[in-house]
Amino acid sequence: MEYTVQKLGKLAGISARTLRYYDEIGILKPARISSSGYRIYGKKEVDLLQQILFYRELGVDLESIKK
């Protein structure tokens, strides 16, 4: 299954802006960019986002998660 920024954000309970920020800092890159410029996320990225959100909930900063 593939998700756009909006759909994944809604599914994960975070804003689309957060997903764009994660892409910007290189912690969560989309699987691909559609021909119309939309970020598309797949299963691998959804799993990675789940891990990122888990560590964020524990209070780990994004730089440490990225490493």
Protein backbone atom coordinates (compact mmCIF):
# COMPACT_ATOMS: atom_id res chain seq x y z
CA MET A 1 0.00 0.00 0.00
CA GLU A 2 1.18 3.49 -0.77
CA TYR A 3 0.38 6.71 1.07
CA THR A 4 0.59 10.39 0.28
CA VAL A 5 1.80 12.86 2.91
CA GLN A 6 -1.78 13.71 3.85
CA LYS A 7 -2.92 10.09 4.16
CA LEU A 8 0.14 8.97 6.11
CA GLY A 9 -0.07 11.96 8.43
CA LYS A 10 -3.70 11.22 9.17
CA LEU A 11 -2.95 7.53 9.72
CA ALA A 12 -0.05 8.28 12.08
CA GLY A 13 -1.72 11.17 13.89
CA ILE A 14 0.91 13.73 12.87
CA SER A 15 0.81 16.72 10.57
CA ALA A 16 1.78 16.70 6.93
CA ARG A 17 4.25 19.45 7.85
CA THR A 18 6.00 17.05 10.24
CA LEU A 19 6.41 14.51 7.45
CA ARG A 20 7.79 17.17 5.13
CA TYR A 21 10.20 18.24 7.89
CA TYR A 22 11.36 14.64 8.41
CA ASP A 23 12.06 14.50 4.67
CA GLU A 24 13.88 17.84 4.80
CA ILE A 25 16.25 16.69 7.58
CA GLY A 26 16.72 13.27 5.98
CA ILE A 27 15.23 11.11 8.70
CA LEU A 28 12.30 9.82 6.60
CA LYS A 29 12.57 10.01 2.83
CA PRO A 30 9.59 9.05 0.65
CA ALA A 31 9.80 5.86 -1.40
CA ARG A 32 9.29 7.92 -4.53
CA ILE A 33 8.00 11.20 -5.88
CA SER A 34 5.00 10.93 -8.18
CA SER A 35 4.95 12.54 -11.61
CA SER A 36 2.87 15.36 -10.15
CA GLY A 37 5.40 15.96 -7.35
CA TYR A 38 3.66 14.21 -4.45
CA ARG A 39 5.74 12.34 -1.89
CA ILE A 40 4.69 8.68 -1.85
CA TYR A 41 5.46 6.43 1.13
CA GLY A 42 5.43 2.63 1.13
CA LYS A 43 5.48 -0.09 3.78
CA LYS A 44 9.18 0.36 4.56
CA GLU A 45 8.67 4.07 5.24
CA VAL A 46 5.57 3.44 7.35
CA ASP A 47 7.56 0.98 9.49
CA LEU A 48 10.38 3.51 9.85
CA LEU A 49 7.91 6.25 10.82
CA GLN A 50 6.51 3.95 13.50
CA GLN A 51 10.01 3.57 14.96
CA ILE A 52 10.65 7.32 14.79
CA LEU A 53 7.39 8.07 16.60
CA PHE A 54 8.15 5.41 19.22
CA TYR A 55 11.52 6.98 20.03
CA ARG A 56 10.03 10.50 19.98
CA GLU A 57 7.46 9.33 22.54
CA LEU A 58 10.36 8.21 24.74
CA GLY A 59 11.86 11.70 24.48
CA VAL A 60 14.74 10.87 22.13
CA ASP A 61 15.74 13.86 19.99
CA LEU A 62 15.59 13.66 16.20
CA GLU A 63 19.37 13.90 15.73
CA SER A 64 19.88 10.81 17.91
CA ILE A 65 17.11 8.95 16.10
CA LYS A 66 18.69 9.82 12.76
CA LYS A 67 22.00 8.28 13.83
